Amino acid sequence: MQRPSEQTVSDHFGRRVAECREERGLTQQQLAEELGAAVKWVQEVEGGRQNVTLSSITRIANTVGVEVRVLFDPPRSARRKPGRPKKA
């Protein structure tokens, strides 16, 4: 079995954070506010560009209402959604 690269783990973790956030019906802004973090930080986490601490991982899991291990499950979607969502 091939071991994943650090970037793959970061990408998958970020996608799972986004999926769990969306399942809870939160925007990135709302998640950032609940975490006491900047929106840019949440965007970087979800984009796999932020190396998060164990403390941050625990706070994210608690905020989106999942166990920490769930954030390390493989992402449900094969690809990341590009860009901003379309306006209604």
C-alpha atoms as a PDB file:
ATOM      1  CA  MET A   1       0.000   0.000   0.000  1.00  0.00           C
ATOM      2  CA  GLN A   2       1.367   3.368  -1.012  1.00  0.00           C
ATOM      3  CA  ARG A   3       1.639   6.005   1.696  1.00  0.00           C
ATOM      4  CA  PRO A   4      -0.017   9.340   0.919  1.00  0.00           C
ATOM      5  CA  SER A   5       2.078  12.469   0.595  1.00  0.00           C
ATOM      6  CA  GLU A   6       1.705  15.312   3.096  1.00  0.00           C
ATOM      7  CA  GLN A   7       0.004  17.372   0.387  1.00  0.00           C
ATOM      8  CA  THR A   8      -2.509  14.595  -0.322  1.00  0.00           C
ATOM      9  CA  VAL A   9      -3.378  14.392   3.386  1.00  0.00           C
ATOM     10  CA  SER A  10      -3.770  18.190   3.561  1.00  0.00           C
ATOM     11  CA  ASP A  11      -5.934  18.235   0.425  1.00  0.00           C
ATOM     12  CA  HIS A  12      -8.185  15.416   1.640  1.00  0.00           C
ATOM     13  CA  PHE A  13      -8.447  16.911   5.120  1.00  0.00           C
ATOM     14  CA  GLY A  14      -9.427  20.282   3.655  1.00  0.00           C
ATOM     15  CA  ARG A  15     -12.046  18.732   1.393  1.00  0.00           C
ATOM     16  CA  ARG A  16     -13.534  16.832   4.348  1.00  0.00           C
ATOM     17  CA  VAL A  17     -13.675  20.042   6.404  1.00  0.00           C
ATOM     18  CA  ALA A  18     -15.567  21.705   3.524  1.00  0.00           C
ATOM     19  CA  GLU A  19     -17.933  18.739   3.162  1.00  0.00           C
ATOM     20  CA  CYS A  20     -18.696  18.626   6.893  1.00  0.00           C
ATOM     21  CA  ARG A  21     -19.151  22.409   7.002  1.00  0.00           C
ATOM     22  CA  GLU A  22     -21.585  22.295   4.090  1.00  0.00           C
ATOM     23  CA  GLU A  23     -23.509  19.379   5.659  1.00  0.00           C
ATOM     24  CA  ARG A  24     -23.994  21.529   8.739  1.00  0.00           C
ATOM     25  CA  GLY A  25     -25.207  24.374   6.509  1.00  0.00           C
ATOM     26  CA  LEU A  26     -22.394  26.758   7.392  1.00  0.00           C
ATOM     27  CA  THR A  27     -20.637  29.213   5.120  1.00  0.00           C
ATOM     28  CA  GLN A  28     -16.889  29.717   5.398  1.00  0.00           C
ATOM     29  CA  GLN A  29     -17.638  33.053   7.085  1.00  0.00           C
ATOM     30  CA  GLN A  30     -19.870  31.401   9.693  1.00  0.00           C
ATOM     31  CA  LEU A  31     -17.333  28.654  10.400  1.00  0.00           C
ATOM     32  CA  ALA A  32     -14.588  31.250  10.778  1.00  0.00           C
ATOM     33  CA  GLU A  33     -16.710  33.244  13.226  1.00  0.00           C
ATOM     34  CA  GLU A  34     -17.525  30.157  15.313  1.00  0.00           C
ATOM     35  CA  LEU A  35     -13.843  29.215  15.387  1.00  0.00           C
ATOM     36  CA  GLY A  36     -12.693  32.754  16.129  1.00  0.00           C
ATOM     37  CA  ALA A  37     -10.548  32.610  13.003  1.00  0.00           C
ATOM     38  CA  ALA A  38     -10.174  34.602   9.802  1.00  0.00           C
ATOM     39  CA  VAL A  39     -12.116  33.553   6.701  1.00  0.00           C
ATOM     40  CA  LYS A  40      -8.797  33.437   4.825  1.00  0.00           C
ATOM     41  CA  TRP A  41      -7.553  30.807   7.292  1.00  0.00           C
ATOM     42  CA  VAL A  42     -10.665  28.645   6.711  1.00  0.00           C
ATOM     43  CA  GLN A  43     -10.191  29.016   2.949  1.00  0.00           C
ATOM     44  CA  GLU A  44      -6.565  27.924   3.260  1.00  0.00           C
ATOM     45  CA  VAL A  45      -7.507  24.925   5.429  1.00  0.00           C
ATOM     46  CA  GLU A  46     -10.193  23.830   2.961  1.00  0.00           C
ATOM     47  CA  GLY A  47      -7.769  24.357   0.089  1.00  0.00           C
ATOM     48  CA  GLY A  48      -5.123  22.146   1.686  1.00  0.00           C
ATOM     49  CA  ARG A  49      -2.728  25.078   2.017  1.00  0.00           C
ATOM     50  CA  GLN A  50      -2.732  25.419   5.821  1.00  0.00           C
ATOM     51  CA  ASN A  51      -0.832  23.082   8.147  1.00  0.00           C
ATOM     52  CA  VAL A  52      -3.246  22.862  11.090  1.00  0.00           C
ATOM     53  CA  THR A  53      -2.433  21.975  14.690  1.00  0.00           C
ATOM     54  CA  LEU A  54      -4.088  19.215  16.697  1.00  0.00           C
ATOM     55  CA  SER A  55      -5.846  21.914  18.673  1.00  0.00           C
ATOM     56  CA  SER A  56      -7.272  23.437  15.491  1.00  0.00           C
ATOM     57  CA  ILE A  57      -8.329  20.029  14.176  1.00  0.00           C
ATOM     58  CA  THR A  58     -10.200  19.356  17.419  1.00  0.00           C
ATOM     59  CA  ARG A  59     -11.883  22.792  17.339  1.00  0.00           C
ATOM     60  CA  ILE A  60     -12.941  22.306  13.707  1.00  0.00           C
ATOM     61  CA  ALA A  61     -14.380  18.852  14.430  1.00  0.00           C
ATOM     62  CA  ASN A  62     -16.302  20.115  17.454  1.00  0.00           C
ATOM     63  CA  THR A  63     -17.632  23.108  15.530  1.00  0.00           C
ATOM     64  CA  VAL A  64     -18.899  21.079  12.566  1.00  0.00           C
ATOM     65  CA  GLY A  65     -20.219  18.378  14.912  1.00  0.00           C
ATOM     66  CA  VAL A  66     -18.138  15.366  13.925  1.00  0.00           C
ATOM     67  CA  GLU A  67     -15.515  13.157  15.553  1.00  0.00           C
ATOM     68  CA  VAL A  68     -11.928  14.111  14.734  1.00  0.00           C
ATOM     69  CA  ARG A  69     -11.394  10.869  12.808  1.00  0.00           C
ATOM     70  CA  VAL A  70     -14.189  11.795  10.366  1.00  0.00           C
ATOM     71  CA  LEU A  71     -12.069  14.687   9.084  1.00  0.00           C
ATOM     72  CA  PHE A  72      -9.450  12.146   7.987  1.00  0.00           C
ATOM     73  CA  ASP A  73     -11.864   9.926   6.039  1.00  0.00           C
ATOM     74  CA  PRO A  74     -11.436  10.052   2.254  1.00  0.00           C
ATOM     75  CA  PRO A  75     -13.403  12.905   0.659  1.00  0.00           C
ATOM     76  CA  ARG A  76     -16.795  11.905  -0.716  1.00  0.00           C
ATOM     77  CA  SER A  77     -16.402  13.879  -3.916  1.00  0.00           C
ATOM     78  CA  ALA A  78     -13.677  13.049  -6.396  1.00  0.00           C
ATOM     79  CA  ARG A  79     -12.905  16.688  -7.119  1.00  0.00           C
ATOM     80  CA  ARG A  80     -12.890  20.004  -5.345  1.00  0.00           C
ATOM     81  CA  LYS A  81     -15.547  22.525  -6.368  1.00  0.00           C
ATOM     82  CA  PRO A  82     -13.791  25.357  -8.218  1.00  0.00           C
ATOM     83  CA  GLY A  83     -14.378  29.015  -7.433  1.00  0.00           C
ATOM     84  CA  ARG A  84     -17.362  30.785  -6.029  1.00  0.00           C
ATOM     85  CA  PRO A  85     -20.832  29.273  -6.061  1.00  0.00           C
ATOM     86  CA  LYS A  86     -23.241  30.581  -8.686  1.00  0.00           C
ATOM     87  CA  LYS A  87     -25.626  33.309  -7.560  1.00  0.00           C
ATOM     88  CA  ALA A  88     -29.296  32.432  -7.492  1.00  0.00           C
END
